[in-house]
N, C-alpha and C. Protein backbone atom coordinates (compact mmCIF):
# COMPACT_ATOMS: atom_id res chain seq x y z
N UNK A 1 101.36 109.41 130.77
CA UNK A 1 102.40 108.75 129.99
C UNK A 1 102.53 109.46 128.64
N UNK A 2 103.70 110.00 128.33
CA UNK A 2 103.87 110.70 127.06
C UNK A 2 103.86 109.73 125.88
N UNK A 3 103.40 110.25 124.76
CA UNK A 3 103.34 109.46 123.54
C UNK A 3 104.74 109.27 122.98
N UNK A 4 105.05 108.06 122.54
CA UNK A 4 106.35 107.76 121.94
C UNK A 4 106.39 108.39 120.54
N UNK A 5 107.41 109.19 120.23
CA UNK A 5 107.46 109.83 118.91
C UNK A 5 107.77 108.83 117.80
N UNK A 6 107.14 109.04 116.65
CA UNK A 6 107.40 108.24 115.46
C UNK A 6 108.44 109.01 114.64
N UNK A 7 109.70 108.64 114.79
CA UNK A 7 110.78 109.37 114.11
C UNK A 7 110.97 108.84 112.70
N UNK A 8 111.70 109.61 111.90
CA UNK A 8 112.01 109.19 110.53
C UNK A 8 112.84 107.90 110.54
N UNK A 9 113.72 107.77 111.52
CA UNK A 9 114.55 106.55 111.62
C UNK A 9 113.69 105.34 111.95
N UNK A 10 112.72 105.50 112.82
CA UNK A 10 111.80 104.40 113.14
C UNK A 10 111.04 103.97 111.89
N UNK A 11 110.53 104.93 111.14
CA UNK A 11 109.78 104.61 109.92
C UNK A 11 110.68 103.91 108.91
N UNK A 12 111.90 104.38 108.74
CA UNK A 12 112.84 103.76 107.79
C UNK A 12 113.18 102.33 108.22
N UNK A 13 113.41 102.13 109.51
CA UNK A 13 113.74 100.80 110.00
C UNK A 13 112.52 99.87 109.91
N UNK A 14 111.35 100.40 110.17
CA UNK A 14 110.13 99.59 110.06
C UNK A 14 109.87 99.22 108.61
N UNK A 15 110.14 100.13 107.71
CA UNK A 15 110.00 99.81 106.28
C UNK A 15 110.92 98.63 105.94
N UNK A 16 112.13 98.66 106.44
CA UNK A 16 113.08 97.57 106.19
C UNK A 16 112.54 96.25 106.73
N UNK A 17 111.96 96.28 107.92
CA UNK A 17 111.39 95.06 108.51
C UNK A 17 110.22 94.56 107.67
N UNK A 18 109.34 95.47 107.25
CA UNK A 18 108.19 95.07 106.44
C UNK A 18 108.63 94.47 105.10
N UNK A 19 109.64 95.07 104.50
CA UNK A 19 110.13 94.58 103.21
C UNK A 19 110.88 93.25 103.35
N UNK A 20 111.36 92.94 104.54
CA UNK A 20 112.11 91.70 104.75
C UNK A 20 111.20 90.48 104.74
N UNK A 21 109.90 90.71 104.86
CA UNK A 21 108.90 89.64 104.89
C UNK A 21 109.12 88.68 106.06
N UNK A 22 109.68 89.19 107.16
CA UNK A 22 109.89 88.38 108.36
C UNK A 22 108.63 88.28 109.21
N UNK A 23 107.63 89.13 108.93
CA UNK A 23 106.41 89.16 109.74
C UNK A 23 105.28 88.43 109.04
N UNK A 24 104.49 87.69 109.81
CA UNK A 24 103.30 87.05 109.26
C UNK A 24 102.16 88.06 109.11
N UNK A 25 102.22 89.13 109.88
CA UNK A 25 101.22 90.19 109.85
C UNK A 25 101.96 91.51 110.15
N UNK A 26 101.77 92.49 109.30
CA UNK A 26 102.47 93.77 109.47
C UNK A 26 102.18 94.42 110.82
N UNK A 27 101.03 94.12 111.41
CA UNK A 27 100.62 94.74 112.67
C UNK A 27 101.02 93.92 113.89
N UNK A 28 101.80 92.87 113.68
CA UNK A 28 102.30 92.03 114.76
C UNK A 28 103.49 92.74 115.40
N UNK A 29 103.19 93.54 116.41
CA UNK A 29 104.25 94.37 117.00
C UNK A 29 105.31 93.56 117.71
N UNK A 30 104.94 92.44 118.30
CA UNK A 30 105.96 91.62 118.97
C UNK A 30 106.90 91.00 117.93
N UNK A 31 106.33 90.54 116.83
CA UNK A 31 107.16 90.02 115.75
C UNK A 31 108.06 91.10 115.19
N UNK A 32 107.53 92.33 115.10
CA UNK A 32 108.32 93.45 114.59
C UNK A 32 109.49 93.75 115.53
N UNK A 33 109.26 93.61 116.82
CA UNK A 33 110.34 93.87 117.77
C UNK A 33 111.45 92.83 117.60
N UNK A 34 111.09 91.56 117.48
CA UNK A 34 112.09 90.51 117.28
C UNK A 34 112.82 90.68 115.95
N UNK A 35 112.07 91.01 114.88
CA UNK A 35 112.69 91.22 113.58
C UNK A 35 113.65 92.41 113.62
N UNK A 36 113.25 93.46 114.32
CA UNK A 36 114.11 94.64 114.46
C UNK A 36 115.42 94.26 115.14
N UNK A 37 115.33 93.47 116.19
CA UNK A 37 116.54 93.03 116.89
C UNK A 37 117.40 92.16 115.98
N UNK A 38 116.77 91.27 115.22
CA UNK A 38 117.51 90.40 114.30
C UNK A 38 118.24 91.20 113.23
N UNK A 39 117.63 92.31 112.79
CA UNK A 39 118.22 93.13 111.75
C UNK A 39 119.13 94.23 112.30
N UNK A 40 119.26 94.30 113.62
CA UNK A 40 120.12 95.30 114.24
C UNK A 40 119.51 96.69 114.29
N UNK A 41 118.18 96.77 114.23
CA UNK A 41 117.47 98.05 114.27
C UNK A 41 117.07 98.36 115.71
N UNK A 42 118.03 98.83 116.47
CA UNK A 42 117.80 99.06 117.91
C UNK A 42 116.78 100.15 118.18
N UNK A 43 116.79 101.21 117.37
CA UNK A 43 115.83 102.29 117.61
C UNK A 43 114.40 101.79 117.43
N UNK A 44 114.18 100.99 116.39
CA UNK A 44 112.85 100.43 116.16
C UNK A 44 112.46 99.46 117.27
N UNK A 45 113.38 98.61 117.69
CA UNK A 45 113.09 97.66 118.77
C UNK A 45 112.67 98.40 120.04
N UNK A 46 113.36 99.47 120.37
CA UNK A 46 113.02 100.27 121.56
C UNK A 46 111.68 100.96 121.39
N UNK A 47 111.43 101.49 120.17
CA UNK A 47 110.15 102.14 119.87
C UNK A 47 108.99 101.17 120.08
N UNK A 48 109.11 99.97 119.53
CA UNK A 48 108.03 98.98 119.63
C UNK A 48 107.79 98.63 121.09
N UNK A 49 108.86 98.52 121.86
CA UNK A 49 108.74 98.21 123.28
C UNK A 49 107.96 99.30 124.03
N UNK A 50 108.20 100.56 123.69
CA UNK A 50 107.63 101.68 124.43
C UNK A 50 106.29 102.18 123.89
N UNK A 51 106.04 102.00 122.60
CA UNK A 51 104.86 102.60 121.96
C UNK A 51 103.58 101.83 122.30
N UNK A 52 102.47 102.57 122.30
CA UNK A 52 101.18 101.91 122.45
C UNK A 52 100.73 101.42 121.07
N UNK A 53 99.65 100.67 121.03
CA UNK A 53 99.18 100.05 119.78
C UNK A 53 98.85 101.09 118.71
N UNK A 54 98.22 102.18 119.10
CA UNK A 54 97.84 103.20 118.13
C UNK A 54 99.07 103.87 117.50
N UNK A 55 100.09 104.09 118.30
CA UNK A 55 101.31 104.70 117.79
C UNK A 55 102.05 103.74 116.86
N UNK A 56 102.09 102.46 117.23
CA UNK A 56 102.70 101.46 116.34
C UNK A 56 101.93 101.39 115.02
N UNK A 57 100.61 101.42 115.08
CA UNK A 57 99.78 101.40 113.88
C UNK A 57 100.12 102.60 112.98
N UNK A 58 100.25 103.76 113.58
CA UNK A 58 100.62 104.96 112.81
C UNK A 58 101.97 104.76 112.11
N UNK A 59 102.93 104.20 112.82
CA UNK A 59 104.25 103.97 112.24
C UNK A 59 104.17 102.98 111.08
N UNK A 60 103.37 101.94 111.22
CA UNK A 60 103.19 100.97 110.13
C UNK A 60 102.57 101.65 108.92
N UNK A 61 101.57 102.47 109.14
CA UNK A 61 100.93 103.16 108.02
C UNK A 61 101.92 104.07 107.29
N UNK A 62 102.75 104.77 108.04
CA UNK A 62 103.75 105.64 107.42
C UNK A 62 104.79 104.83 106.65
N UNK A 63 105.23 103.69 107.22
CA UNK A 63 106.21 102.84 106.54
C UNK A 63 105.61 102.24 105.27
N UNK A 64 104.36 101.80 105.34
CA UNK A 64 103.70 101.23 104.16
C UNK A 64 103.54 102.30 103.07
N UNK A 65 103.25 103.52 103.48
CA UNK A 65 103.15 104.62 102.52
C UNK A 65 104.46 104.84 101.79
N UNK A 66 105.56 104.72 102.51
CA UNK A 66 106.88 104.86 101.88
C UNK A 66 107.14 103.72 100.90
N UNK A 67 106.71 102.52 101.25
CA UNK A 67 106.90 101.38 100.37
C UNK A 67 106.11 101.61 99.08
N UNK A 68 104.86 102.03 99.22
CA UNK A 68 104.01 102.27 98.06
C UNK A 68 104.54 103.39 97.19
N UNK A 69 105.08 104.44 97.83
CA UNK A 69 105.62 105.58 97.09
C UNK A 69 106.99 105.29 96.50
N UNK A 70 107.64 104.28 97.04
CA UNK A 70 109.00 103.97 96.61
C UNK A 70 110.04 104.95 97.13
N UNK A 71 109.67 105.68 98.19
CA UNK A 71 110.60 106.66 98.76
C UNK A 71 111.42 106.02 99.87
N UNK A 72 112.52 106.66 100.18
CA UNK A 72 113.44 106.15 101.20
C UNK A 72 112.92 106.32 102.59
């Protein structure tokens, strides 16, 4: 099974979800999938559906890094 790529769009959309404070836990991937759908972030919703836990964790770490850096 090939690894799901963590694209720049996925990271940007995940940052938006994290900043929305819709999740009780940043690592709640099912909550992230529902929040992504609610916000119209289809690429993120598909990523969460296909990615394994380690890949989702990597995406969260990258999105959190962007939040801390204040970058887009």
